[in-house]
Amino acid sequence: MRAKTVISERRACQLMAISRTVLHYAARPEIDGGQLRHRITELASQRRRFGYRRIHALLRREGARVNVKRVHRLYQLEGLQVRRRKRRHGVAVERRPLQMPTAPNQVWSMDFVSDALEYGRRIKCLTIVDDFTKESVDIVVDHGIGGDYVARVLDRAGQFRGLPQVIRTDQGPEFTGKALDQWAWQRGVALRLIEAGKPTQNAYIESFNGKFRDECLNEHWFRSLAEARVLIAAWRKDYNQSRPHSALEYRTPAEFAAAFRARHAGPERQEAWS
């Protein structure tokens, strides 16, 4: 009886001209088509800005053995292509130099400042400034402020000090919508938009907003909308009546406005302003 010759696995593979990896290969079942399609849809709903390549990477991370081309085909069949965001084009406006007004109520500037409450809900602050006196005409705080809301705020401010000749704003949707445009036309107020992406063209309100954020918003931790309104109103009063302003020779905006009225108005006019 002839003895059996035992050779190593490596030698056997060399004689058969095959790779050792082929010898040990074990096919893994591919993920089921319906299950794969469902998982692709599920991932795309969770990651709405992910394309098919990122979805494929997530599937591979989960251990799925699937080809990127198959993921692409199923991704398209489900209509999951990422929609390209429409670029919002700014309104074409004439470039105007930032000029210093010569009297109160000639030009007001408006802008929005965002912050958050203690539990994370966002709040918006509509800031309105008289460019000449540097007075804070109003700071309105709410969760949402649209064009109609802005118009009502301006009407309320106008009851106490009259409306301005011009209001300068950026190209935010609240300022470029029909509601504010109709309001301005009915009241004879000119809306002056700055160029898109040019905040320096509205430098007076940008300067005010910087002080507002640094001295008020960053100093408080608002627990509720009501508390935010109270604290912001208190800061606005202090800004107008107590805080020295370097651009006004360190007088307060209220002092500067009162001195201007005293110089340019008679007794009857002074009484009407006060």
C-alpha atoms as a PDB file:
ATOM      1  CA  MET A   1       0.000   0.000   0.000  1.00  0.00           C
ATOM      2  CA  ARG A   2       1.508   3.250  -1.107  1.00  0.00           C
ATOM      3  CA  ALA A   3       1.887   5.947   1.526  1.00  0.00           C
ATOM      4  CA  LYS A   4       0.030   9.210   1.003  1.00  0.00           C
ATOM      5  CA  THR A   5       2.152  12.259   0.308  1.00  0.00           C
ATOM      6  CA  VAL A   6       1.123  15.277   2.407  1.00  0.00           C
ATOM      7  CA  ILE A   7       1.924  18.677   0.979  1.00  0.00           C
ATOM      8  CA  SER A   8       1.301  22.104   2.401  1.00  0.00           C
ATOM      9  CA  GLU A   9      -1.611  24.299   1.426  1.00  0.00           C
ATOM     10  CA  ARG A  10       0.781  26.821  -0.055  1.00  0.00           C
ATOM     11  CA  ARG A  11       2.399  24.113  -2.259  1.00  0.00           C
ATOM     12  CA  ALA A  12      -0.964  22.778  -3.344  1.00  0.00           C
ATOM     13  CA  CYS A  13      -2.124  26.238  -4.422  1.00  0.00           C
ATOM     14  CA  GLN A  14       1.096  26.707  -6.369  1.00  0.00           C
ATOM     15  CA  LEU A  15       0.574  23.407  -8.187  1.00  0.00           C
ATOM     16  CA  MET A  16      -3.057  24.277  -8.986  1.00  0.00           C
ATOM     17  CA  ALA A  17      -2.068  27.858  -9.988  1.00  0.00           C
ATOM     18  CA  ILE A  18      -4.672  29.466  -7.770  1.00  0.00           C
ATOM     19  CA  SER A  19      -4.429  32.074  -5.055  1.00  0.00           C
ATOM     20  CA  ARG A  20      -4.834  31.080  -1.426  1.00  0.00           C
ATOM     21  CA  THR A  21      -7.429  33.842  -1.064  1.00  0.00           C
ATOM     22  CA  VAL A  22      -9.537  32.103  -3.690  1.00  0.00           C
ATOM     23  CA  LEU A  23      -9.294  28.857  -1.719  1.00  0.00           C
ATOM     24  CA  HIS A  24     -10.644  30.489   1.415  1.00  0.00           C
ATOM     25  CA  TYR A  25     -13.218  32.711  -0.304  1.00  0.00           C
ATOM     26  CA  ALA A  26     -16.719  32.351   1.093  1.00  0.00           C
ATOM     27  CA  ALA A  27     -19.509  34.231  -0.636  1.00  0.00           C
ATOM     28  CA  ARG A  28     -21.450  36.565   1.596  1.00  0.00           C
ATOM     29  CA  PRO A  29     -25.095  36.971   0.704  1.00  0.00           C
ATOM     30  CA  GLU A  30     -25.847  40.398  -0.710  1.00  0.00           C
ATOM     31  CA  ILE A  31     -28.435  42.532   0.985  1.00  0.00           C
ATOM     32  CA  ASP A  32     -31.918  41.879  -0.338  1.00  0.00           C
ATOM     33  CA  GLY A  33     -33.005  44.278  -3.121  1.00  0.00           C
ATOM     34  CA  GLY A  34     -36.178  45.401  -1.371  1.00  0.00           C
ATOM     35  CA  GLN A  35     -34.391  45.753   1.935  1.00  0.00           C
ATOM     36  CA  LEU A  36     -31.577  47.722   0.290  1.00  0.00           C
ATOM     37  CA  ARG A  37     -34.035  50.035  -1.431  1.00  0.00           C
ATOM     38  CA  HIS A  38     -35.825  50.666   1.843  1.00  0.00           C
ATOM     39  CA  ARG A  39     -32.577  51.388   3.669  1.00  0.00           C
ATOM     40  CA  ILE A  40     -31.408  53.817   0.958  1.00  0.00           C
ATOM     41  CA  THR A  41     -34.711  55.708   1.221  1.00  0.00           C
ATOM     42  CA  GLU A  42     -34.450  55.722   5.016  1.00  0.00           C
ATOM     43  CA  LEU A  43     -30.915  57.119   4.989  1.00  0.00           C
ATOM     44  CA  ALA A  44     -31.811  59.736   2.372  1.00  0.00           C
ATOM     45  CA  SER A  45     -34.735  60.951   4.515  1.00  0.00           C
ATOM     46  CA  GLN A  46     -32.413  61.313   7.505  1.00  0.00           C
ATOM     47  CA  ARG A  47     -29.637  62.962   5.482  1.00  0.00           C
ATOM     48  CA  ARG A  48     -31.527  65.052   2.970  1.00  0.00           C
ATOM     49  CA  ARG A  49     -28.420  66.768   1.579  1.00  0.00           C
ATOM     50  CA  PHE A  50     -26.478  63.513   1.040  1.00  0.00           C
ATOM     51  CA  GLY A  51     -25.972  62.239  -2.506  1.00  0.00           C
ATOM     52  CA  TYR A  52     -25.789  58.596  -3.548  1.00  0.00           C
ATOM     53  CA  ARG A  53     -22.030  58.351  -2.935  1.00  0.00           C
ATOM     54  CA  ARG A  54     -22.396  59.382   0.700  1.00  0.00           C
ATOM     55  CA  ILE A  55     -25.366  57.034   1.076  1.00  0.00           C
ATOM     56  CA  HIS A  56     -23.173  54.242  -0.332  1.00  0.00           C
ATOM     57  CA  ALA A  57     -20.467  55.084   2.204  1.00  0.00           C
ATOM     58  CA  LEU A  58     -23.006  54.850   5.045  1.00  0.00           C
ATOM     59  CA  LEU A  59     -24.225  51.465   3.770  1.00  0.00           C
ATOM     60  CA  ARG A  60     -20.678  50.128   3.599  1.00  0.00           C
ATOM     61  CA  ARG A  61     -20.088  51.426   7.114  1.00  0.00           C
ATOM     62  CA  GLU A  62     -23.082  49.355   8.221  1.00  0.00           C
ATOM     63  CA  GLY A  63     -21.505  46.274   6.644  1.00  0.00           C
ATOM     64  CA  ALA A  64     -23.638  46.051   3.501  1.00  0.00           C
ATOM     65  CA  ARG A  65     -21.795  44.535   0.532  1.00  0.00           C
ATOM     66  CA  VAL A  66     -23.208  46.586  -2.300  1.00  0.00           C
ATOM     67  CA  ASN A  67     -21.784  48.212  -5.399  1.00  0.00           C
ATOM     68  CA  VAL A  68     -21.935  52.010  -5.721  1.00  0.00           C
ATOM     69  CA  LYS A  69     -23.539  51.666  -9.178  1.00  0.00           C
ATOM     70  CA  ARG A  70     -26.390  49.647  -7.726  1.00  0.00           C
ATOM     71  CA  VAL A  71     -26.917  52.267  -5.011  1.00  0.00           C
ATOM     72  CA  HIS A  72     -26.977  54.972  -7.700  1.00  0.00           C
ATOM     73  CA  ARG A  73     -29.584  53.095  -9.749  1.00  0.00           C
ATOM     74  CA  LEU A  74     -31.885  52.515  -6.760  1.00  0.00           C
ATOM     75  CA  TYR A  75     -31.304  56.077  -5.570  1.00  0.00           C
ATOM     76  CA  GLN A  76     -32.514  57.414  -8.920  1.00  0.00           C
ATOM     77  CA  LEU A  77     -35.489  55.027  -9.073  1.00  0.00           C
ATOM     78  CA  GLU A  78     -36.667  56.383  -5.711  1.00  0.00           C
ATOM     79  CA  GLY A  79     -36.302  59.976  -6.954  1.00  0.00           C
ATOM     80  CA  LEU A  80     -33.950  60.907  -4.148  1.00  0.00           C
ATOM     81  CA  GLN A  81     -31.669  63.237  -6.080  1.00  0.00           C
ATOM     82  CA  VAL A  82     -30.585  66.217  -4.000  1.00  0.00           C
ATOM     83  CA  ARG A  83     -32.380  69.313  -5.192  1.00  0.00           C
ATOM     84  CA  ARG A  84     -30.031  72.133  -5.969  1.00  0.00           C
ATOM     85  CA  ARG A  85     -30.819  75.106  -3.800  1.00  0.00           C
ATOM     86  CA  LYS A  86     -31.966  78.125  -5.722  1.00  0.00           C
ATOM     87  CA  ARG A  87     -29.596  80.980  -5.267  1.00  0.00           C
ATOM     88  CA  ARG A  88     -31.354  84.052  -3.956  1.00  0.00           C
ATOM     89  CA  HIS A  89     -30.361  86.964  -6.128  1.00  0.00           C
ATOM     90  CA  GLY A  90     -30.246  90.352  -4.509  1.00  0.00           C
ATOM     91  CA  VAL A  91     -32.322  93.219  -5.784  1.00  0.00           C
ATOM     92  CA  ALA A  92     -30.381  95.455  -8.151  1.00  0.00           C
ATOM     93  CA  VAL A  93     -30.015  98.804  -6.405  1.00  0.00           C
ATOM     94  CA  GLU A  94     -28.072 101.936  -7.085  1.00  0.00           C
ATOM     95  CA  ARG A  95     -24.916 102.238  -5.037  1.00  0.00           C
ATOM     96  CA  ARG A  96     -25.148 105.264  -2.766  1.00  0.00           C
ATOM     97  CA  PRO A  97     -22.473 106.717  -0.475  1.00  0.00           C
ATOM     98  CA  LEU A  98     -23.306 106.612   3.225  1.00  0.00           C
ATOM     99  CA  GLN A  99     -24.108 110.215   4.077  1.00  0.00           C
ATOM    100  CA  MET A 100     -24.657 111.690   7.508  1.00  0.00           C
ATOM    101  CA  PRO A 101     -28.156 113.168   7.862  1.00  0.00           C
ATOM    102  CA  THR A 102     -28.480 116.705   9.161  1.00  0.00           C
ATOM    103  CA  ALA A 103     -31.616 116.421  11.320  1.00  0.00           C
ATOM    104  CA  PRO A 104     -33.653 113.858  13.271  1.00  0.00           C
ATOM    105  CA  ASN A 105     -36.130 111.713  11.337  1.00  0.00           C
ATOM    106  CA  GLN A 106     -34.359 112.199   8.036  1.00  0.00           C
ATOM    107  CA  VAL A 107     -33.003 108.649   7.900  1.00  0.00           C
ATOM    108  CA  TRP A 108     -33.725 105.618  10.055  1.00  0.00           C
ATOM    109  CA  SER A 109     -31.842 102.348   9.733  1.00  0.00           C
ATOM    110  CA  MET A 110     -33.309  98.901  10.442  1.00  0.00           C
ATOM    111  CA  ASP A 111     -31.857  95.440  10.810  1.00  0.00           C
ATOM    112  CA  PHE A 112     -32.354  92.128  12.594  1.00  0.00           C
ATOM    113  CA  VAL A 113     -30.257  90.577  15.352  1.00  0.00           C
ATOM    114  CA  SER A 114     -30.785  86.946  16.375  1.00  0.00           C
ATOM    115  CA  ASP A 115     -30.333  85.297  19.758  1.00  0.00           C
ATOM    116  CA  ALA A 116     -31.684  82.310  21.679  1.00  0.00           C
ATOM    117  CA  LEU A 117     -33.538  81.652  24.892  1.00  0.00           C
ATOM    118  CA  GLU A 118     -32.201  79.423  27.662  1.00  0.00           C
ATOM    119  CA  TYR A 119     -33.837  76.305  26.186  1.00  0.00           C
ATOM    120  CA  GLY A 120     -32.616  76.993  22.645  1.00  0.00           C
ATOM    121  CA  ARG A 121     -35.593  78.579  20.914  1.00  0.00           C
ATOM    122  CA  ARG A 122     -34.531  81.406  18.627  1.00  0.00           C
ATOM    123  CA  ILE A 123     -35.654  85.006  19.006  1.00  0.00           C
ATOM    124  CA  LYS A 124     -35.391  87.898  16.544  1.00  0.00           C
ATOM    125  CA  CYS A 125     -34.739  91.484  17.505  1.00  0.00           C
ATOM    126  CA  LEU A 126     -35.766  94.224  15.087  1.00  0.00           C
ATOM    127  CA  THR A 127     -33.495  97.199  15.769  1.00  0.00           C
ATOM    128  CA  ILE A 128     -34.389 100.700  14.521  1.00  0.00           C
ATOM    129  CA  VAL A 129     -31.991 103.635  14.869  1.00  0.00           C
ATOM    130  CA  ASP A 130     -32.168 107.314  13.947  1.00  0.00           C
ATOM    131  CA  ASP A 131     -28.938 107.846  12.012  1.00  0.00           C
ATOM    132  CA  PHE A 132     -28.589 111.486  13.082  1.00  0.00           C
ATOM    133  CA  THR A 133     -29.293 111.404  16.827  1.00  0.00           C
ATOM    134  CA  LYS A 134     -28.129 107.755  17.263  1.00  0.00           C
ATOM    135  CA  GLU A 135     -31.308 107.168  19.268  1.00  0.00           C
ATOM    136  CA  SER A 136     -32.645 103.654  19.436  1.00  0.00           C
ATOM    137  CA  VAL A 137     -36.136 104.269  18.068  1.00  0.00           C
ATOM    138  CA  ASP A 138     -37.261 100.768  19.035  1.00  0.00           C
ATOM    139  CA  ILE A 139     -36.069  97.216  19.623  1.00  0.00           C
ATOM    140  CA  VAL A 140     -38.834  94.692  19.023  1.00  0.00           C
ATOM    141  CA  VAL A 141     -38.319  91.136  20.272  1.00  0.00           C
ATOM    142  CA  ASP A 142     -40.322  88.126  19.098  1.00  0.00           C
ATOM    143  CA  HIS A 143     -39.936  84.618  17.745  1.00  0.00           C
ATOM    144  CA  GLY A 144     -40.938  85.669  14.240  1.00  0.00           C
ATOM    145  CA  ILE A 145     -41.189  89.094  12.616  1.00  0.00           C
ATOM    146  CA  GLY A 146     -42.534  89.439   9.088  1.00  0.00           C
ATOM    147  CA  GLY A 147     -43.177  92.393   6.814  1.00  0.00           C
ATOM    148  CA  ASP A 148     -46.644  93.154   8.233  1.00  0.00           C
ATOM    149  CA  TYR A 149     -45.203  93.059  11.735  1.00  0.00           C
ATOM    150  CA  VAL A 150     -42.455  95.524  10.747  1.00  0.00           C
ATOM    151  CA  ALA A 151     -45.057  97.904   9.287  1.00  0.00           C
ATOM    152  CA  ARG A 152     -47.069  97.871  12.520  1.00  0.00           C
ATOM    153  CA  VAL A 153     -43.925  98.582  14.561  1.00  0.00           C
ATOM    154  CA  LEU A 154     -43.083 101.584  12.369  1.00  0.00           C
ATOM    155  CA  ASP A 155     -46.615 102.961  12.670  1.00  0.00           C
ATOM    156  CA  ARG A 156     -46.359 102.685  16.449  1.00  0.00           C
ATOM    157  CA  ALA A 157     -42.999 104.477  16.473  1.00  0.00           C
ATOM    158  CA  GLY A 158     -44.375 107.190  14.183  1.00  0.00           C
ATOM    159  CA  GLN A 159     -47.136 108.018  16.679  1.00  0.00           C
ATOM    160  CA  PHE A 160     -44.536 109.223  19.184  1.00  0.00           C
ATOM    161  CA  ARG A 161     -41.921 110.933  17.011  1.00  0.00           C
ATOM    162  CA  GLY A 162     -43.226 111.070  13.450  1.00  0.00           C
ATOM    163  CA  LEU A 163     -42.050 108.982  10.521  1.00  0.00           C
ATOM    164  CA  PRO A 164     -38.709 109.412   8.764  1.00  0.00           C
ATOM    165  CA  GLN A 165     -38.163 110.560   5.209  1.00  0.00           C
ATOM    166  CA  VAL A 166     -36.003 107.513   4.404  1.00  0.00           C
ATOM    167  CA  ILE A 167     -35.527 104.056   5.938  1.00  0.00           C
ATOM    168  CA  ARG A 168     -32.334 102.190   5.068  1.00  0.00           C
ATOM    169  CA  THR A 169     -32.315  98.373   5.257  1.00  0.00           C
ATOM    170  CA  ASP A 170     -30.564  95.351   3.841  1.00  0.00           C
ATOM    171  CA  GLN A 171     -32.264  93.032   1.353  1.00  0.00           C
ATOM    172  CA  GLY A 172     -33.870  90.675   3.871  1.00  0.00           C
ATOM    173  CA  PRO A 173     -37.252  89.208   2.853  1.00  0.00           C
ATOM    174  CA  GLU A 174     -39.031  91.162   5.593  1.00  0.00           C
ATOM    175  CA  PHE A 175     -37.814  94.425   4.047  1.00  0.00           C
ATOM    176  CA  THR A 176     -38.218  93.603   0.345  1.00  0.00           C
ATOM    177  CA  GLY A 177     -41.717  92.102   0.526  1.00  0.00           C
ATOM    178  CA  LYS A 178     -44.984  93.661  -0.594  1.00  0.00           C
ATOM    179  CA  ALA A 179     -46.189  94.467   2.930  1.00  0.00           C
ATOM    180  CA  LEU A 180     -43.459  96.986   3.772  1.00  0.00           C
ATOM    181  CA  ASP A 181     -43.341  98.350   0.234  1.00  0.00           C
ATOM    182  CA  GLN A 182     -47.088  99.093   0.335  1.00  0.00           C
ATOM    183  CA  TRP A 183     -46.774 100.653   3.793  1.00  0.00           C
ATOM    184  CA  ALA A 184     -43.943 102.954   2.661  1.00  0.00           C
ATOM    185  CA  TRP A 185     -45.818 104.039  -0.480  1.00  0.00           C
ATOM    186  CA  GLN A 186     -48.973 104.896   1.481  1.00  0.00           C
ATOM    187  CA  ARG A 187     -47.040 106.995   4.019  1.00  0.00           C
ATOM    188  CA  GLY A 188     -44.606 108.680   1.674  1.00  0.00           C
ATOM    189  CA  VAL A 189     -41.511 107.058   3.166  1.00  0.00           C
ATOM    190  CA  ALA A 190     -38.657 106.111   0.827  1.00  0.00           C
ATOM    191  CA  LEU A 191     -37.144 102.660   1.309  1.00  0.00           C
ATOM    192  CA  ARG A 192     -33.443 102.599   0.509  1.00  0.00           C
ATOM    193  CA  LEU A 193     -31.933  99.126   0.150  1.00  0.00           C
ATOM    194  CA  ILE A 194     -28.218  98.548   0.412  1.00  0.00           C
ATOM    195  CA  GLU A 195     -26.386  96.287  -2.044  1.00  0.00           C
ATOM    196  CA  ALA A 196     -26.469  92.581  -1.239  1.00  0.00           C
ATOM    197  CA  GLY A 197     -23.506  91.541   0.880  1.00  0.00           C
ATOM    198  CA  LYS A 198     -22.469  95.148   1.628  1.00  0.00           C
ATOM    199  CA  PRO A 199     -23.246  95.697   5.345  1.00  0.00           C
ATOM    200  CA  THR A 200     -20.889  98.685   5.452  1.00  0.00           C
ATOM    201  CA  GLN A 201     -23.486 100.601   3.423  1.00  0.00           C
ATOM    202  CA  ASN A 202     -25.673 100.393   6.543  1.00  0.00           C
ATOM    203  CA  ALA A 203     -22.848 101.149   8.954  1.00  0.00           C
ATOM    204  CA  TYR A 204     -24.873 103.084  11.546  1.00  0.00           C
ATOM    205  CA  ILE A 205     -27.175 100.176  12.369  1.00  0.00           C
ATOM    206  CA  GLU A 206     -24.275  97.706  12.162  1.00  0.00           C
ATOM    207  CA  SER A 207     -22.414  99.760  14.771  1.00  0.00           C
ATOM    208  CA  PHE A 208     -25.496  99.867  16.999  1.00  0.00           C
ATOM    209  CA  ASN A 209     -26.064  96.121  16.640  1.00  0.00           C
ATOM    210  CA  GLY A 210     -22.483  95.464  17.716  1.00  0.00           C
ATOM    211  CA  LYS A 211     -23.015  97.450  20.914  1.00  0.00           C
ATOM    212  CA  PHE A 212     -26.414  95.815  21.460  1.00  0.00           C
ATOM    213  CA  ARG A 213     -24.973  92.311  21.208  1.00  0.00           C
ATOM    214  CA  ASP A 214     -21.863  93.060  23.269  1.00  0.00           C
ATOM    215  CA  GLU A 215     -23.518  95.031  26.069  1.00  0.00           C
ATOM    216  CA  CYS A 216     -26.924  93.353  26.262  1.00  0.00           C
ATOM    217  CA  LEU A 217     -27.404  90.015  24.481  1.00  0.00           C
ATOM    218  CA  ASN A 218     -24.042  88.576  25.520  1.00  0.00           C
ATOM    219  CA  GLU A 219     -24.532  89.736  29.100  1.00  0.00           C
ATOM    220  CA  HIS A 220     -27.857  87.968  29.718  1.00  0.00           C
ATOM    221  CA  TRP A 221     -29.207  84.432  29.659  1.00  0.00           C
ATOM    222  CA  PHE A 222     -32.877  84.883  28.746  1.00  0.00           C
ATOM    223  CA  ARG A 223     -35.195  82.312  30.303  1.00  0.00           C
ATOM    224  CA  SER A 224     -38.306  83.413  28.403  1.00  0.00           C
ATOM    225  CA  LEU A 225     -39.479  85.783  25.711  1.00  0.00           C
ATOM    226  CA  ALA A 226     -41.100  88.011  28.342  1.00  0.00           C
ATOM    227  CA  GLU A 227     -37.850  88.279  30.281  1.00  0.00           C
ATOM    228  CA  ALA A 228     -35.913  89.064  27.094  1.00  0.00           C
ATOM    229  CA  ARG A 229     -38.322  91.899  26.295  1.00  0.00           C
ATOM    230  CA  VAL A 230     -37.994  93.405  29.778  1.00  0.00           C
ATOM    231  CA  LEU A 231     -34.183  93.266  29.868  1.00  0.00           C
ATOM    232  CA  ILE A 232     -33.767  94.536  26.316  1.00  0.00           C
ATOM    233  CA  ALA A 233     -36.191  97.410  26.933  1.00  0.00           C
ATOM    234  CA  ALA A 234     -34.191  98.361  30.043  1.00  0.00           C
ATOM    235  CA  TRP A 235     -30.944  98.317  28.050  1.00  0.00           C
ATOM    236  CA  ARG A 236     -32.501 100.448  25.293  1.00  0.00           C
ATOM    237  CA  LYS A 237     -33.619 103.035  27.857  1.00  0.00           C
ATOM    238  CA  ASP A 238     -30.130 103.115  29.359  1.00  0.00           C
ATOM    239  CA  TYR A 239     -28.572 103.413  25.879  1.00  0.00           C
ATOM    240  CA  ASN A 240     -30.731 106.405  24.972  1.00  0.00           C
ATOM    241  CA  GLN A 241     -30.685 108.242  28.294  1.00  0.00           C
ATOM    242  CA  SER A 242     -27.544 107.265  30.212  1.00  0.00           C
ATOM    243  CA  ARG A 243     -24.857 105.775  27.978  1.00  0.00           C
ATOM    244  CA  PRO A 244     -22.341 108.357  26.641  1.00  0.00           C
ATOM    245  CA  HIS A 245     -21.883 108.065  22.863  1.00  0.00           C
ATOM    246  CA  SER A 246     -18.407 108.780  21.478  1.00  0.00           C
ATOM    247  CA  ALA A 247     -19.790 110.055  18.146  1.00  0.00           C
ATOM    248  CA  LEU A 248     -21.886 112.640  20.045  1.00  0.00           C
ATOM    249  CA  GLU A 249     -18.986 114.091  22.037  1.00  0.00           C
ATOM    250  CA  TYR A 250     -19.860 111.660  24.837  1.00  0.00           C
ATOM    251  CA  ARG A 251     -23.371 112.954  25.245  1.00  0.00           C
ATOM    252  CA  THR A 252     -26.256 110.538  25.351  1.00  0.00           C
ATOM    253  CA  PRO A 253     -28.503 110.281  22.268  1.00  0.00           C
ATOM    254  CA  ALA A 254     -31.355 111.840  24.269  1.00  0.00           C
ATOM    255  CA  GLU A 255     -29.170 114.787  25.320  1.00  0.00           C
ATOM    256  CA  PHE A 256     -27.967 115.318  21.766  1.00  0.00           C
ATOM    257  CA  ALA A 257     -31.508 115.223  20.370  1.00  0.00           C
ATOM    258  CA  ALA A 258     -32.765 117.652  23.035  1.00  0.00           C
ATOM    259  CA  ALA A 259     -29.912 120.084  22.339  1.00  0.00           C
ATOM    260  CA  PHE A 260     -30.658 119.974  18.604  1.00  0.00           C
ATOM    261  CA  ARG A 261     -34.344 120.701  19.183  1.00  0.00           C
ATOM    262  CA  ALA A 262     -33.469 123.583  21.476  1.00  0.00           C
ATOM    263  CA  ARG A 263     -31.273 125.168  18.802  1.00  0.00           C
ATOM    264  CA  HIS A 264     -33.612 124.693  15.842  1.00  0.00           C
ATOM    265  CA  ALA A 265     -37.129 125.006  17.229  1.00  0.00           C
ATOM    266  CA  GLY A 266     -39.149 127.797  18.767  1.00  0.00           C
ATOM    267  CA  PRO A 267     -41.031 127.456  22.066  1.00  0.00           C
ATOM    268  CA  GLU A 268     -44.169 125.986  20.463  1.00  0.00           C
ATOM    269  CA  ARG A 269     -42.147 123.553  18.383  1.00  0.00           C
ATOM    270  CA  GLN A 270     -40.085 122.495  21.407  1.00  0.00           C
ATOM    271  CA  GLU A 271     -43.285 121.680  23.301  1.00  0.00           C
ATOM    272  CA  ALA A 272     -44.527 119.568  20.389  1.00  0.00           C
ATOM    273  CA  TRP A 273     -41.253 117.616  20.273  1.00  0.00           C
ATOM    274  CA  SER A 274     -41.224 116.867  24.004  1.00  0.00           C
END
